[in-house]
């Protein structure tokens, strides 16, 4: 249940694909620290994924898979509220009310709508257009203080704030205004093929992304093919973005400093370094994969987790909805 003294963090993740090494190093490892200082809610936002056509059986499997990945990565279901968005009906209830507060013009300006419309020209549906309003509902429903997001989502947080301010001005103080959460620690992991671009699960070139569930063979192949340069020196410099990125990954996984990485590979070429990095990556991800498989082999436990999470989330969400309905005059 919510503690009024604790700030609330809400994060939503679509159940498309698997988590990446970038997610693991740059975000998930920080979640353990967050649970000590905040009330954390992690939602698998399955309703958002419906804007794209999909196979229902594969979709259901990917939803459970993401839940298992969260748990395998170390999220404690007792200290964090983990749930499926579709299991808390207040998300769609608040979504409609906020749709009546949001403006067509501001939704038209959403960069992601333009990009996704370009990619899915045969399926430019209304859900794709109003997607940011559902995202605002996700956040505002829990009186969220902080939302950990990347650059590509900042526009959506700004919209959520604008909608909240508009509602508060019209009907009285109702919603907490969310801020963007920038983690104190963590590392920005870049694409192995385009080291000036962030590693992403939606990258069209799969060789640029290490997925946590990649096989050992695939990981080794991707690291071997990682873009470097012609200098063949393991040195951490902005002028060598490829090797700089690989050194960052090595440093984080081995829990040593960049300087120690440089010292270890003085006078050694990229070949040896990449070979060792691939082995380190494989070994570092082995415990995650083993735990993941244990969770996937235990569907009853996964069901227990998501039902318990939905129950906790619903209690908080209903408190907000009761206030919203009173404010707007619903009987």
C-alpha atoms as a PDB file:
ATOM      1  CA  UNK A   1       0.000   0.000   0.000  1.00  0.00           C
ATOM      2  CA  UNK A   2       1.147   3.560  -0.482  1.00  0.00           C
ATOM      3  CA  UNK A   3       3.080   5.276   2.214  1.00  0.00           C
ATOM      4  CA  UNK A   4       2.463   9.020   2.108  1.00  0.00           C
ATOM      5  CA  UNK A   5       6.073   9.683   3.061  1.00  0.00           C
ATOM      6  CA  UNK A   6       7.421   7.696   0.110  1.00  0.00           C
ATOM      7  CA  UNK A   7       7.682   9.122  -3.375  1.00  0.00           C
ATOM      8  CA  UNK A   8       6.130   6.972  -6.098  1.00  0.00           C
ATOM      9  CA  UNK A   9       8.030   5.702  -9.142  1.00  0.00           C
ATOM     10  CA  UNK A  10       6.024   4.267 -12.044  1.00  0.00           C
ATOM     11  CA  UNK A  11       7.577   2.514 -15.018  1.00  0.00           C
ATOM     12  CA  UNK A  12       5.783   0.788 -17.883  1.00  0.00           C
ATOM     13  CA  UNK A  13       7.317  -1.659 -20.351  1.00  0.00           C
ATOM     14  CA  UNK A  14       5.722  -3.131 -23.447  1.00  0.00           C
ATOM     15  CA  UNK A  15       5.905  -6.932 -23.740  1.00  0.00           C
ATOM     16  CA  UNK A  16       7.583  -6.815 -27.135  1.00  0.00           C
ATOM     17  CA  UNK A  17      10.864  -8.687 -27.539  1.00  0.00           C
ATOM     18  CA  UNK A  18      13.202  -9.352 -24.649  1.00  0.00           C
ATOM     19  CA  UNK A  19      15.158  -7.049 -22.366  1.00  0.00           C
ATOM     20  CA  UNK A  20      18.535  -5.923 -23.649  1.00  0.00           C
ATOM     21  CA  UNK A  21      21.970  -5.699 -22.107  1.00  0.00           C
ATOM     22  CA  UNK A  22      21.441  -1.928 -22.216  1.00  0.00           C
ATOM     23  CA  UNK A  23      18.291  -2.313 -20.081  1.00  0.00           C
ATOM     24  CA  UNK A  24      20.156  -4.601 -17.681  1.00  0.00           C
ATOM     25  CA  UNK A  25      23.217  -2.401 -17.144  1.00  0.00           C
ATOM     26  CA  UNK A  26      21.637   1.011 -17.599  1.00  0.00           C
ATOM     27  CA  UNK A  27      18.348   0.549 -15.747  1.00  0.00           C
ATOM     28  CA  UNK A  28      17.441  -2.740 -14.107  1.00  0.00           C
ATOM     29  CA  UNK A  29      20.510  -2.954 -11.888  1.00  0.00           C
ATOM     30  CA  UNK A  30      19.465   0.422 -10.456  1.00  0.00           C
ATOM     31  CA  UNK A  31      15.986  -0.806  -9.581  1.00  0.00           C
ATOM     32  CA  UNK A  32      17.277  -2.628  -6.512  1.00  0.00           C
ATOM     33  CA  UNK A  33      18.483   0.718  -5.141  1.00  0.00           C
ATOM     34  CA  UNK A  34      15.179   2.430  -5.970  1.00  0.00           C
ATOM     35  CA  UNK A  35      13.101   0.009  -3.902  1.00  0.00           C
ATOM     36  CA  UNK A  36      14.887   1.209  -0.746  1.00  0.00           C
ATOM     37  CA  UNK A  37      13.872   4.842  -1.239  1.00  0.00           C
ATOM     38  CA  UNK A  38      10.640   4.803  -3.257  1.00  0.00           C
ATOM     39  CA  UNK A  39       7.366   3.011  -3.680  1.00  0.00           C
ATOM     40  CA  UNK A  40       7.920   1.369  -7.076  1.00  0.00           C
ATOM     41  CA  UNK A  41       5.251   0.214  -9.508  1.00  0.00           C
ATOM     42  CA  UNK A  42       6.294  -1.706 -12.617  1.00  0.00           C
ATOM     43  CA  UNK A  43       3.562  -2.331 -15.151  1.00  0.00           C
ATOM     44  CA  UNK A  44       3.722  -4.594 -18.179  1.00  0.00           C
ATOM     45  CA  UNK A  45       1.680  -2.317 -20.436  1.00  0.00           C
ATOM     46  CA  UNK A  46       0.002  -4.965 -22.567  1.00  0.00           C
ATOM     47  CA  UNK A  47      -2.817  -2.653 -23.700  1.00  0.00           C
ATOM     48  CA  UNK A  48      -0.311  -0.305 -25.350  1.00  0.00           C
ATOM     49  CA  UNK A  49       0.945  -3.199 -27.477  1.00  0.00           C
ATOM     50  CA  UNK A  50      -2.478  -3.728 -29.064  1.00  0.00           C
ATOM     51  CA  UNK A  51      -1.894  -0.825 -31.482  1.00  0.00           C
ATOM     52  CA  UNK A  52       0.153  -3.261 -33.576  1.00  0.00           C
ATOM     53  CA  UNK A  53      -1.329  -6.449 -35.063  1.00  0.00           C
ATOM     54  CA  UNK A  54      -0.088  -9.555 -33.334  1.00  0.00           C
ATOM     55  CA  UNK A  55      -0.533 -13.289 -32.836  1.00  0.00           C
ATOM     56  CA  UNK A  56      -2.591 -13.734 -29.607  1.00  0.00           C
ATOM     57  CA  UNK A  57      -0.819 -16.926 -28.478  1.00  0.00           C
ATOM     58  CA  UNK A  58       2.669 -15.486 -29.012  1.00  0.00           C
ATOM     59  CA  UNK A  59       1.575 -12.213 -27.363  1.00  0.00           C
ATOM     60  CA  UNK A  60       0.338 -14.001 -24.231  1.00  0.00           C
ATOM     61  CA  UNK A  61       3.647 -15.861 -24.034  1.00  0.00           C
ATOM     62  CA  UNK A  62       5.683 -12.653 -24.433  1.00  0.00           C
ATOM     63  CA  UNK A  63       3.695 -11.001 -21.599  1.00  0.00           C
ATOM     64  CA  UNK A  64       4.544 -13.839 -19.199  1.00  0.00           C
ATOM     65  CA  UNK A  65       8.111 -13.888 -20.517  1.00  0.00           C
ATOM     66  CA  UNK A  66       8.638 -10.218 -19.635  1.00  0.00           C
ATOM     67  CA  UNK A  67       7.290 -10.820 -16.127  1.00  0.00           C
ATOM     68  CA  UNK A  68       9.740 -13.711 -15.706  1.00  0.00           C
ATOM     69  CA  UNK A  69      12.580 -11.500 -17.005  1.00  0.00           C
ATOM     70  CA  UNK A  70      11.754  -8.786 -14.455  1.00  0.00           C
ATOM     71  CA  UNK A  71      11.914 -11.349 -11.657  1.00  0.00           C
ATOM     72  CA  UNK A  72      15.081 -12.988 -12.997  1.00  0.00           C
ATOM     73  CA  UNK A  73      16.737  -9.567 -13.187  1.00  0.00           C
ATOM     74  CA  UNK A  74      16.214  -9.157  -9.453  1.00  0.00           C
ATOM     75  CA  UNK A  75      12.936  -7.272  -8.991  1.00  0.00           C
ATOM     76  CA  UNK A  76      11.527  -8.317  -5.608  1.00  0.00           C
ATOM     77  CA  UNK A  77       7.729  -8.755  -5.946  1.00  0.00           C
ATOM     78  CA  UNK A  78       7.308  -8.162  -2.210  1.00  0.00           C
ATOM     79  CA  UNK A  79       9.010  -4.765  -2.313  1.00  0.00           C
ATOM     80  CA  UNK A  80       7.790  -3.696  -5.763  1.00  0.00           C
ATOM     81  CA  UNK A  81       4.304  -3.787  -7.265  1.00  0.00           C
ATOM     82  CA  UNK A  82       4.542  -5.724 -10.551  1.00  0.00           C
ATOM     83  CA  UNK A  83       1.364  -6.138 -12.606  1.00  0.00           C
ATOM     84  CA  UNK A  84      -0.279  -6.300 -16.016  1.00  0.00           C
ATOM     85  CA  UNK A  85      -1.878  -3.036 -17.100  1.00  0.00           C
ATOM     86  CA  UNK A  86      -4.983  -4.840 -18.414  1.00  0.00           C
ATOM     87  CA  UNK A  87      -5.632  -6.341 -14.950  1.00  0.00           C
ATOM     88  CA  UNK A  88      -6.291  -2.883 -13.460  1.00  0.00           C
ATOM     89  CA  UNK A  89      -9.435  -1.556 -15.218  1.00  0.00           C
ATOM     90  CA  UNK A  90      -8.933   1.953 -13.815  1.00  0.00           C
ATOM     91  CA  UNK A  91      -6.255   2.505 -16.503  1.00  0.00           C
ATOM     92  CA  UNK A  92      -8.826   2.471 -19.298  1.00  0.00           C
ATOM     93  CA  UNK A  93     -11.423   4.233 -17.143  1.00  0.00           C
ATOM     94  CA  UNK A  94      -9.121   7.194 -16.497  1.00  0.00           C
ATOM     95  CA  UNK A  95      -7.939   7.052 -20.109  1.00  0.00           C
ATOM     96  CA  UNK A  96     -11.431   7.976 -21.369  1.00  0.00           C
ATOM     97  CA  UNK A  97     -11.791  10.841 -18.902  1.00  0.00           C
ATOM     98  CA  UNK A  98      -8.363  12.230 -19.857  1.00  0.00           C
ATOM     99  CA  UNK A  99      -9.233  11.842 -23.562  1.00  0.00           C
ATOM    100  CA  UNK A 100     -11.920  14.433 -22.854  1.00  0.00           C
ATOM    101  CA  UNK A 101      -9.245  16.775 -21.466  1.00  0.00           C
ATOM    102  CA  UNK A 102      -6.508  16.198 -24.077  1.00  0.00           C
ATOM    103  CA  UNK A 103      -6.456  18.241 -27.298  1.00  0.00           C
ATOM    104  CA  UNK A 104      -6.220  16.918 -30.856  1.00  0.00           C
ATOM    105  CA  UNK A 105      -3.525  19.469 -31.662  1.00  0.00           C
ATOM    106  CA  UNK A 106      -1.131  18.283 -28.949  1.00  0.00           C
ATOM    107  CA  UNK A 107      -1.630  14.629 -29.921  1.00  0.00           C
ATOM    108  CA  UNK A 108      -0.923  15.565 -33.542  1.00  0.00           C
ATOM    109  CA  UNK A 109       2.456  16.901 -32.464  1.00  0.00           C
ATOM    110  CA  UNK A 110       3.590  13.651 -30.834  1.00  0.00           C
ATOM    111  CA  UNK A 111       6.808  12.543 -32.537  1.00  0.00           C
ATOM    112  CA  UNK A 112       6.228   8.845 -31.847  1.00  0.00           C
ATOM    113  CA  UNK A 113       2.820   8.941 -33.553  1.00  0.00           C
ATOM    114  CA  UNK A 114       4.425  10.359 -36.675  1.00  0.00           C
ATOM    115  CA  UNK A 115       7.216   7.756 -36.614  1.00  0.00           C
ATOM    116  CA  UNK A 116       4.932   4.779 -35.943  1.00  0.00           C
ATOM    117  CA  UNK A 117       2.430   5.956 -38.566  1.00  0.00           C
ATOM    118  CA  UNK A 118       5.276   5.995 -41.061  1.00  0.00           C
ATOM    119  CA  UNK A 119       6.297   2.430 -40.110  1.00  0.00           C
ATOM    120  CA  UNK A 120       2.738   1.012 -40.005  1.00  0.00           C
ATOM    121  CA  UNK A 121       0.987   2.807 -42.866  1.00  0.00           C
ATOM    122  CA  UNK A 122      -1.513  -0.045 -43.259  1.00  0.00           C
ATOM    123  CA  UNK A 123      -2.649   0.222 -39.613  1.00  0.00           C
ATOM    124  CA  UNK A 124      -2.824   3.854 -38.474  1.00  0.00           C
ATOM    125  CA  UNK A 125      -5.478   3.232 -35.839  1.00  0.00           C
ATOM    126  CA  UNK A 126      -7.115   5.536 -33.295  1.00  0.00           C
ATOM    127  CA  UNK A 127      -5.299   3.742 -30.463  1.00  0.00           C
ATOM    128  CA  UNK A 128      -1.973   4.748 -31.970  1.00  0.00           C
ATOM    129  CA  UNK A 129      -3.124   8.366 -31.978  1.00  0.00           C
ATOM    130  CA  UNK A 130      -4.461   8.398 -28.390  1.00  0.00           C
ATOM    131  CA  UNK A 131      -1.671   6.166 -27.025  1.00  0.00           C
ATOM    132  CA  UNK A 132      -0.051   9.094 -25.121  1.00  0.00           C
ATOM    133  CA  UNK A 133      -3.303   9.721 -23.219  1.00  0.00           C
ATOM    134  CA  UNK A 134      -3.361   6.130 -21.962  1.00  0.00           C
ATOM    135  CA  UNK A 135       0.271   6.621 -20.991  1.00  0.00           C
ATOM    136  CA  UNK A 136      -0.718   9.750 -19.061  1.00  0.00           C
ATOM    137  CA  UNK A 137      -3.455   7.747 -17.320  1.00  0.00           C
ATOM    138  CA  UNK A 138      -0.913   5.034 -16.402  1.00  0.00           C
ATOM    139  CA  UNK A 139       1.248   7.625 -14.678  1.00  0.00           C
ATOM    140  CA  UNK A 140      -1.353   9.918 -13.096  1.00  0.00           C
ATOM    141  CA  UNK A 141      -3.431   7.029 -11.718  1.00  0.00           C
ATOM    142  CA  UNK A 142      -0.791   6.293  -9.070  1.00  0.00           C
ATOM    143  CA  UNK A 143      -0.017   9.919  -8.136  1.00  0.00           C
ATOM    144  CA  UNK A 144       3.420   9.259  -9.579  1.00  0.00           C
ATOM    145  CA  UNK A 145       6.255  11.560  -8.570  1.00  0.00           C
ATOM    146  CA  UNK A 146       8.975  10.193 -10.838  1.00  0.00           C
ATOM    147  CA  UNK A 147       9.042   8.338 -14.151  1.00  0.00           C
ATOM    148  CA  UNK A 148      12.336   6.805 -15.362  1.00  0.00           C
ATOM    149  CA  UNK A 149      12.338   7.344 -19.134  1.00  0.00           C
ATOM    150  CA  UNK A 150      14.751   7.929 -21.978  1.00  0.00           C
ATOM    151  CA  UNK A 151      14.969  10.933 -24.296  1.00  0.00           C
ATOM    152  CA  UNK A 152      12.377   9.438 -26.668  1.00  0.00           C
ATOM    153  CA  UNK A 153       9.677   9.520 -23.966  1.00  0.00           C
ATOM    154  CA  UNK A 154      10.222  13.016 -22.546  1.00  0.00           C
ATOM    155  CA  UNK A 155       7.544  14.487 -24.803  1.00  0.00           C
ATOM    156  CA  UNK A 156       5.003  12.029 -23.369  1.00  0.00           C
ATOM    157  CA  UNK A 157       5.812  12.987 -19.775  1.00  0.00           C
ATOM    158  CA  UNK A 158       5.413  16.651 -20.686  1.00  0.00           C
ATOM    159  CA  UNK A 159       1.984  15.846 -22.164  1.00  0.00           C
ATOM    160  CA  UNK A 160       0.994  13.965 -18.985  1.00  0.00           C
ATOM    161  CA  UNK A 161       1.945  17.046 -16.959  1.00  0.00           C
ATOM    162  CA  UNK A 162      -0.021  19.349 -19.298  1.00  0.00           C
ATOM    163  CA  UNK A 163      -3.127  17.149 -19.021  1.00  0.00           C
ATOM    164  CA  UNK A 164      -2.777  16.979 -15.219  1.00  0.00           C
ATOM    165  CA  UNK A 165      -2.414  20.776 -14.938  1.00  0.00           C
ATOM    166  CA  UNK A 166      -5.440  21.313 -17.199  1.00  0.00           C
ATOM    167  CA  UNK A 167      -7.553  18.894 -15.143  1.00  0.00           C
ATOM    168  CA  UNK A 168      -6.382  20.366 -11.823  1.00  0.00           C
ATOM    169  CA  UNK A 169      -7.155  23.902 -13.012  1.00  0.00           C
ATOM    170  CA  UNK A 170     -10.640  22.905 -14.158  1.00  0.00           C
ATOM    171  CA  UNK A 171     -11.734  20.635 -11.322  1.00  0.00           C
ATOM    172  CA  UNK A 172      -9.403  21.255  -8.369  1.00  0.00           C
ATOM    173  CA  UNK A 173      -6.160  19.763  -7.163  1.00  0.00           C
ATOM    174  CA  UNK A 174      -6.348  16.083  -8.119  1.00  0.00           C
ATOM    175  CA  UNK A 175      -3.178  14.806  -9.784  1.00  0.00           C
ATOM    176  CA  UNK A 176       0.457  14.861  -8.697  1.00  0.00           C
ATOM    177  CA  UNK A 177       2.641  16.385 -11.440  1.00  0.00           C
ATOM    178  CA  UNK A 178       5.184  13.746 -12.508  1.00  0.00           C
ATOM    179  CA  UNK A 179       8.858  14.514 -13.039  1.00  0.00           C
ATOM    180  CA  UNK A 180      11.393  12.643 -15.152  1.00  0.00           C
ATOM    181  CA  UNK A 181      13.651  10.455 -13.023  1.00  0.00           C
ATOM    182  CA  UNK A 182      17.327  10.496 -13.963  1.00  0.00           C
ATOM    183  CA  UNK A 183      19.170   7.690 -12.150  1.00  0.00           C
ATOM    184  CA  UNK A 184      22.208   8.656 -10.073  1.00  0.00           C
ATOM    185  CA  UNK A 185      24.170   5.689 -11.337  1.00  0.00           C
ATOM    186  CA  UNK A 186      24.129   3.577 -14.452  1.00  0.00           C
ATOM    187  CA  UNK A 187      25.692   3.621 -17.860  1.00  0.00           C
ATOM    188  CA  UNK A 188      24.440   4.454 -21.321  1.00  0.00           C
ATOM    189  CA  UNK A 189      25.047   1.350 -23.427  1.00  0.00           C
ATOM    190  CA  UNK A 190      25.275   1.965 -27.147  1.00  0.00           C
ATOM    191  CA  UNK A 191      24.541  -0.154 -30.220  1.00  0.00           C
ATOM    192  CA  UNK A 192      27.317  -2.583 -31.166  1.00  0.00           C
ATOM    193  CA  UNK A 193      26.826  -1.586 -34.820  1.00  0.00           C
ATOM    194  CA  UNK A 194      26.185   2.153 -34.436  1.00  0.00           C
ATOM    195  CA  UNK A 195      28.048   3.172 -31.260  1.00  0.00           C
ATOM    196  CA  UNK A 196      26.734   6.726 -31.437  1.00  0.00           C
ATOM    197  CA  UNK A 197      23.165   5.406 -30.991  1.00  0.00           C
ATOM    198  CA  UNK A 198      21.665   3.869 -27.828  1.00  0.00           C
ATOM    199  CA  UNK A 199      21.239   0.081 -27.739  1.00  0.00           C
ATOM    200  CA  UNK A 200      17.559  -0.628 -28.378  1.00  0.00           C
ATOM    201  CA  UNK A 201      15.312  -3.668 -28.652  1.00  0.00           C
ATOM    202  CA  UNK A 202      13.569  -1.980 -31.600  1.00  0.00           C
ATOM    203  CA  UNK A 203      16.811  -1.567 -33.600  1.00  0.00           C
ATOM    204  CA  UNK A 204      16.314  -2.912 -37.115  1.00  0.00           C
ATOM    205  CA  UNK A 205      19.874  -4.302 -37.075  1.00  0.00           C
ATOM    206  CA  UNK A 206      19.685  -7.089 -34.461  1.00  0.00           C
ATOM    207  CA  UNK A 207      23.491  -7.359 -34.490  1.00  0.00           C
ATOM    208  CA  UNK A 208      23.611  -4.017 -32.670  1.00  0.00           C
ATOM    209  CA  UNK A 209      21.680  -5.329 -29.660  1.00  0.00           C
ATOM    210  CA  UNK A 210      22.536  -7.985 -27.083  1.00  0.00           C
ATOM    211  CA  UNK A 211      19.292  -9.507 -25.786  1.00  0.00           C
ATOM    212  CA  UNK A 212      19.416 -11.079 -22.330  1.00  0.00           C
ATOM    213  CA  UNK A 213      17.978 -14.307 -23.736  1.00  0.00           C
ATOM    214  CA  UNK A 214      20.402 -14.530 -26.678  1.00  0.00           C
ATOM    215  CA  UNK A 215      22.210 -17.871 -26.852  1.00  0.00           C
ATOM    216  CA  UNK A 216      25.911 -18.000 -25.902  1.00  0.00           C
ATOM    217  CA  UNK A 217      26.770 -18.548 -29.572  1.00  0.00           C
ATOM    218  CA  UNK A 218      24.755 -15.511 -30.722  1.00  0.00           C
ATOM    219  CA  UNK A 219      26.302 -13.278 -28.032  1.00  0.00           C
ATOM    220  CA  UNK A 220      29.809 -14.318 -29.069  1.00  0.00           C
ATOM    221  CA  UNK A 221      29.028 -13.677 -32.737  1.00  0.00           C
ATOM    222  CA  UNK A 222      27.554 -10.211 -32.044  1.00  0.00           C
ATOM    223  CA  UNK A 223      30.537  -9.144 -29.926  1.00  0.00           C
ATOM    224  CA  UNK A 224      32.959 -10.417 -32.579  1.00  0.00           C
ATOM    225  CA  UNK A 225      31.150  -8.335 -35.223  1.00  0.00           C
ATOM    226  CA  UNK A 226      30.935  -5.206 -33.032  1.00  0.00           C
ATOM    227  CA  UNK A 227      32.086  -2.049 -34.801  1.00  0.00           C
ATOM    228  CA  UNK A 228      35.455  -0.681 -33.629  1.00  0.00           C
ATOM    229  CA  UNK A 229      38.075   1.180 -35.702  1.00  0.00           C
ATOM    230  CA  UNK A 230      41.485   0.716 -37.316  1.00  0.00           C
ATOM    231  CA  UNK A 231      43.580   1.817 -34.303  1.00  0.00           C
ATOM    232  CA  UNK A 232      43.478  -1.603 -32.619  1.00  0.00           C
ATOM    233  CA  UNK A 233      44.152  -0.038 -29.181  1.00  0.00           C
ATOM    234  CA  UNK A 234      41.940  -0.655 -26.148  1.00  0.00           C
ATOM    235  CA  UNK A 235      41.784   2.999 -25.088  1.00  0.00           C
ATOM    236  CA  UNK A 236      38.782   4.901 -23.700  1.00  0.00           C
ATOM    237  CA  UNK A 237      38.421   7.972 -25.939  1.00  0.00           C
ATOM    238  CA  UNK A 238      35.498   9.833 -27.499  1.00  0.00           C
ATOM    239  CA  UNK A 239      37.268   9.530 -30.853  1.00  0.00           C
ATOM    240  CA  UNK A 240      36.850   5.734 -30.606  1.00  0.00           C
ATOM    241  CA  UNK A 241      33.130   5.333 -29.782  1.00  0.00           C
ATOM    242  CA  UNK A 242      32.988   1.631 -30.661  1.00  0.00           C
ATOM    243  CA  UNK A 243      35.770   0.429 -28.361  1.00  0.00           C
ATOM    244  CA  UNK A 244      34.713   2.987 -25.730  1.00  0.00           C
ATOM    245  CA  UNK A 245      31.251   1.379 -25.608  1.00  0.00           C
ATOM    246  CA  UNK A 246      32.684  -2.151 -25.339  1.00  0.00           C
ATOM    247  CA  UNK A 247      34.992  -1.027 -22.535  1.00  0.00           C
ATOM    248  CA  UNK A 248      32.011   0.471 -20.675  1.00  0.00           C
ATOM    249  CA  UNK A 249      30.195  -2.862 -20.914  1.00  0.00           C
ATOM    250  CA  UNK A 250      33.284  -4.762 -19.725  1.00  0.00           C
ATOM    251  CA  UNK A 251      33.787  -2.352 -16.826  1.00  0.00           C
ATOM    252  CA  UNK A 252      30.177  -2.701 -15.637  1.00  0.00           C
ATOM    253  CA  UNK A 253      29.985  -6.487 -15.959  1.00  0.00           C
ATOM    254  CA  UNK A 254      33.393  -7.108 -14.359  1.00  0.00           C
ATOM    255  CA  UNK A 255      32.798  -4.404 -11.735  1.00  0.00           C
ATOM    256  CA  UNK A 256      36.174  -2.785 -12.369  1.00  0.00           C
ATOM    257  CA  UNK A 257      37.152   0.740 -13.438  1.00  0.00           C
ATOM    258  CA  UNK A 258      37.747   1.840 -17.021  1.00  0.00           C
ATOM    259  CA  UNK A 259      41.377   2.474 -16.064  1.00  0.00           C
ATOM    260  CA  UNK A 260      41.718  -1.144 -14.928  1.00  0.00           C
ATOM    261  CA  UNK A 261      40.294  -2.311 -18.252  1.00  0.00           C
ATOM    262  CA  UNK A 262      42.864  -0.176 -20.112  1.00  0.00           C
ATOM    263  CA  UNK A 263      45.714  -1.512 -17.978  1.00  0.00           C
ATOM    264  CA  UNK A 264      44.621  -5.109 -18.446  1.00  0.00           C
ATOM    265  CA  UNK A 265      44.635  -4.794 -22.258  1.00  0.00           C
ATOM    266  CA  UNK A 266      47.681  -2.571 -22.770  1.00  0.00           C
ATOM    267  CA  UNK A 267      49.461  -3.678 -25.951  1.00  0.00           C
ATOM    268  CA  UNK A 268      46.696  -6.172 -26.744  1.00  0.00           C
ATOM    269  CA  UNK A 269      44.541  -5.830 -29.843  1.00  0.00           C
ATOM    270  CA  UNK A 270      40.772  -5.889 -30.270  1.00  0.00           C
ATOM    271  CA  UNK A 271      40.720  -9.636 -30.980  1.00  0.00           C
ATOM    272  CA  UNK A 272      41.733 -10.694 -27.466  1.00  0.00           C
ATOM    273  CA  UNK A 273      39.595  -8.025 -25.847  1.00  0.00           C
ATOM    274  CA  UNK A 274      36.452  -9.016 -27.788  1.00  0.00           C
ATOM    275  CA  UNK A 275      37.036 -12.703 -27.028  1.00  0.00           C
ATOM    276  CA  UNK A 276      37.283 -11.989 -23.282  1.00  0.00           C
ATOM    277  CA  UNK A 277      34.302  -9.605 -23.369  1.00  0.00           C
ATOM    278  CA  UNK A 278      32.118 -12.233 -25.057  1.00  0.00           C
ATOM    279  CA  UNK A 279      33.086 -14.806 -22.387  1.00  0.00           C
ATOM    280  CA  UNK A 280      32.408 -12.279 -19.606  1.00  0.00           C
ATOM    281  CA  UNK A 281      29.021 -11.448 -21.101  1.00  0.00           C
ATOM    282  CA  UNK A 282      28.023 -15.106 -21.429  1.00  0.00           C
ATOM    283  CA  UNK A 283      29.018 -15.876 -17.824  1.00  0.00           C
ATOM    284  CA  UNK A 284      27.404 -12.700 -16.451  1.00  0.00           C
ATOM    285  CA  UNK A 285      24.062 -13.528 -18.075  1.00  0.00           C
ATOM    286  CA  UNK A 286      24.067 -17.238 -17.190  1.00  0.00           C
ATOM    287  CA  UNK A 287      22.447 -16.781 -13.708  1.00  0.00           C
ATOM    288  CA  UNK A 288      19.773 -14.539 -15.258  1.00  0.00           C
ATOM    289  CA  UNK A 289      18.912 -17.163 -17.892  1.00  0.00           C
ATOM    290  CA  UNK A 290      18.768 -19.962 -15.330  1.00  0.00           C
ATOM    291  CA  UNK A 291      16.426 -17.996 -13.055  1.00  0.00           C
ATOM    292  CA  UNK A 292      14.308 -16.971 -16.059  1.00  0.00           C
ATOM    293  CA  UNK A 293      13.808 -20.589 -17.075  1.00  0.00           C
ATOM    294  CA  UNK A 294      12.858 -21.551 -13.520  1.00  0.00           C
ATOM    295  CA  UNK A 295      10.140 -18.873 -13.505  1.00  0.00           C
ATOM    296  CA  UNK A 296       8.860 -19.863 -16.960  1.00  0.00           C
ATOM    297  CA  UNK A 297       8.648 -23.482 -15.778  1.00  0.00           C
ATOM    298  CA  UNK A 298       6.493 -22.369 -12.845  1.00  0.00           C
ATOM    299  CA  UNK A 299       3.391 -20.636 -14.319  1.00  0.00           C
ATOM    300  CA  UNK A 300       1.458 -20.975 -11.048  1.00  0.00           C
ATOM    301  CA  UNK A 301       4.027 -18.810  -9.281  1.00  0.00           C
ATOM    302  CA  UNK A 302       3.925 -16.201 -12.073  1.00  0.00           C
ATOM    303  CA  UNK A 303       0.128 -16.106 -11.751  1.00  0.00           C
ATOM    304  CA  UNK A 304       0.411 -15.607  -8.001  1.00  0.00           C
ATOM    305  CA  UNK A 305       2.804 -12.666  -8.564  1.00  0.00           C
ATOM    306  CA  UNK A 306       0.738 -10.849 -11.182  1.00  0.00           C
ATOM    307  CA  UNK A 307      -2.539 -11.333  -9.301  1.00  0.00           C
ATOM    308  CA  UNK A 308      -1.025 -10.010  -6.081  1.00  0.00           C
ATOM    309  CA  UNK A 309       0.508  -7.066  -7.966  1.00  0.00           C
ATOM    310  CA  UNK A 310      -2.789  -6.209  -9.661  1.00  0.00           C
ATOM    311  CA  UNK A 311      -4.616  -6.298  -6.333  1.00  0.00           C
ATOM    312  CA  UNK A 312      -2.152  -3.845  -4.779  1.00  0.00           C
ATOM    313  CA  UNK A 313      -2.182  -1.573  -7.842  1.00  0.00           C
ATOM    314  CA  UNK A 314      -6.002  -1.603  -7.998  1.00  0.00           C
ATOM    315  CA  UNK A 315      -6.294  -0.400  -4.398  1.00  0.00           C
ATOM    316  CA  UNK A 316      -4.122   2.642  -5.172  1.00  0.00           C
ATOM    317  CA  UNK A 317      -5.783   3.269  -8.551  1.00  0.00           C
ATOM    318  CA  UNK A 318      -9.303   3.134  -7.133  1.00  0.00           C
ATOM    319  CA  UNK A 319      -8.421   5.781  -4.564  1.00  0.00           C
ATOM    320  CA  UNK A 320      -7.481   8.153  -7.399  1.00  0.00           C
ATOM    321  CA  UNK A 321     -10.550   7.253  -9.486  1.00  0.00           C
ATOM    322  CA  UNK A 322     -12.918   7.898  -6.567  1.00  0.00           C
ATOM    323  CA  UNK A 323     -11.474  11.393  -6.255  1.00  0.00           C
ATOM    324  CA  UNK A 324     -11.591  11.995 -10.040  1.00  0.00           C
ATOM    325  CA  UNK A 325     -15.259  10.935 -10.284  1.00  0.00           C
ATOM    326  CA  UNK A 326     -16.248  13.161  -7.393  1.00  0.00           C
ATOM    327  CA  UNK A 327     -14.366  16.106  -8.891  1.00  0.00           C
ATOM    328  CA  UNK A 328     -16.037  15.837 -12.311  1.00  0.00           C
ATOM    329  CA  UNK A 329     -19.509  15.206 -10.877  1.00  0.00           C
ATOM    330  CA  UNK A 330     -20.180  11.576 -11.796  1.00  0.00           C
ATOM    331  CA  UNK A 331     -22.946  10.093  -9.610  1.00  0.00           C
END
